């Protein structure tokens, strides 16, 4: 699976709204999916499933990523990196994923 930048930004924006602005996850997902009309069914499924998965396992991912609430953008990217690493997705060479200890993440889980 290849990560696309616009989809990852949508997930991070959704997590920011859910965790920091205390909005309901289903409403946030609904507005995220209406953001870009060019997204196909796979893109929409990725955004929805990823966001729900990170929300569902927030405490575990936060413990592995060693971050605490309230989450800033960097902490949300760390949560996303933990999710991607545990799902077996190779992290791209973006500035958000530099210094991500993938072996340590896999070892903690």
Protein backbone atom coordinates (compact mmCIF):
# COMPACT_ATOMS: atom_id res chain seq x y z
CA UNK A 1 0.00 0.00 0.00
CA UNK A 2 1.24 3.46 -0.88
CA UNK A 3 0.41 6.47 1.25
CA UNK A 4 -0.81 9.57 -0.55
CA UNK A 5 -0.10 12.93 0.99
CA UNK A 6 -3.58 14.44 0.60
CA UNK A 7 -5.25 11.43 2.23
CA UNK A 8 -2.81 11.47 5.14
CA UNK A 9 -3.42 15.18 5.68
CA UNK A 10 -7.16 14.52 5.73
CA UNK A 11 -6.69 11.85 8.41
CA UNK A 12 -4.52 14.17 10.51
CA UNK A 13 -7.05 17.00 10.18
CA UNK A 14 -9.83 14.66 11.25
CA UNK A 15 -7.87 13.41 14.25
CA UNK A 16 -7.14 16.99 15.28
CA UNK A 17 -10.84 17.84 15.20
CA UNK A 18 -11.82 14.71 17.11
CA UNK A 19 -9.14 14.74 19.80
CA UNK A 20 -8.49 18.45 20.33
CA UNK A 21 -11.75 20.14 19.39
CA UNK A 22 -14.01 17.42 20.91
CA UNK A 23 -16.13 16.92 17.81
CA UNK A 24 -17.99 13.69 17.09
CA UNK A 25 -16.08 11.26 14.91
CA UNK A 26 -18.96 10.46 12.56
CA UNK A 27 -19.59 14.14 11.83
CA UNK A 28 -15.89 14.78 11.24
CA UNK A 29 -15.64 11.83 8.86
CA UNK A 30 -18.73 13.00 7.02
CA UNK A 31 -17.23 16.44 6.40
CA UNK A 32 -13.82 14.98 5.50
CA UNK A 33 -15.32 12.77 2.82
CA UNK A 34 -17.04 15.76 1.24
CA UNK A 35 -13.77 17.71 1.15
CA UNK A 36 -12.52 16.48 -2.21
CA UNK A 37 -14.91 15.32 -4.93
CA UNK A 38 -12.09 13.62 -6.84
CA UNK A 39 -11.61 10.94 -4.20
CA UNK A 40 -12.81 7.52 -5.22
CA UNK A 41 -14.29 4.81 -3.05
CA UNK A 42 -10.87 3.46 -2.03
CA UNK A 43 -9.67 6.90 -1.00
CA UNK A 44 -12.80 7.52 1.07
CA UNK A 45 -12.51 4.09 2.65
CA UNK A 46 -8.86 4.73 3.57
CA UNK A 47 -9.68 8.06 5.24
CA UNK A 48 -12.66 6.69 7.16
CA UNK A 49 -11.12 3.39 8.25
CA UNK A 50 -7.79 4.91 9.22
CA UNK A 51 -9.38 7.66 11.27
CA UNK A 52 -11.74 5.28 13.04
CA UNK A 53 -8.94 2.80 13.68
CA UNK A 54 -6.68 5.42 15.26
CA UNK A 55 -9.59 6.75 17.35
CA UNK A 56 -10.46 3.22 18.46
CA UNK A 57 -6.92 2.37 19.52
CA UNK A 58 -5.91 5.88 20.68
CA UNK A 59 -4.63 4.89 24.12
CA UNK A 60 -2.50 2.02 22.80
CA UNK A 61 -1.02 4.08 19.97
CA UNK A 62 -0.37 7.02 22.30
CA UNK A 63 1.45 4.71 24.72
CA UNK A 64 3.59 3.23 21.94
CA UNK A 65 4.32 6.67 20.43
CA UNK A 66 5.02 8.08 23.91
CA UNK A 67 2.74 11.10 23.46
CA UNK A 68 0.15 12.59 25.79
CA UNK A 69 -2.97 14.65 25.32
CA UNK A 70 -3.59 17.32 24.12
CA UNK A 71 -2.06 16.23 20.83
CA UNK A 72 -0.31 18.74 18.60
CA UNK A 73 0.26 18.11 14.89
CA UNK A 74 3.60 16.38 15.45
CA UNK A 75 2.05 14.03 17.99
CA UNK A 76 -0.77 13.20 15.58
CA UNK A 77 1.79 12.36 12.90
CA UNK A 78 3.52 10.08 15.43
CA UNK A 79 0.21 8.32 16.11
CA UNK A 80 -0.25 7.91 12.37
CA UNK A 81 3.28 6.52 12.04
CA UNK A 82 2.57 3.98 14.78
CA UNK A 83 -0.63 2.94 13.02
CA UNK A 84 1.13 2.56 9.67
CA UNK A 85 4.04 0.64 11.17
CA UNK A 86 1.77 -1.81 12.99
CA UNK A 87 -0.25 -2.33 9.79
CA UNK A 88 2.93 -3.12 7.89
CA UNK A 89 2.79 -0.03 5.67
CA UNK A 90 6.16 1.34 4.60
CA UNK A 91 6.53 4.96 5.67
CA UNK A 92 7.48 7.36 2.87
CA UNK A 93 10.41 9.77 3.12
CA UNK A 94 8.38 12.74 4.33
CA UNK A 95 9.59 15.19 6.94
CA UNK A 96 6.81 14.03 9.28
CA UNK A 97 8.23 10.52 9.48
CA UNK A 98 11.90 11.31 10.01
CA UNK A 99 13.38 9.66 13.07
CA UNK A 100 10.49 7.23 13.40
CA UNK A 101 11.82 4.17 15.23
CA UNK A 102 9.94 1.41 13.38
CA UNK A 103 11.85 -1.43 15.06
CA UNK A 104 11.10 0.02 18.49
CA UNK A 105 7.41 0.39 17.62
CA UNK A 106 7.18 -3.20 16.46
CA UNK A 107 9.07 -4.33 19.55
CA UNK A 108 6.73 -2.53 21.94
CA UNK A 109 3.67 -4.08 20.39
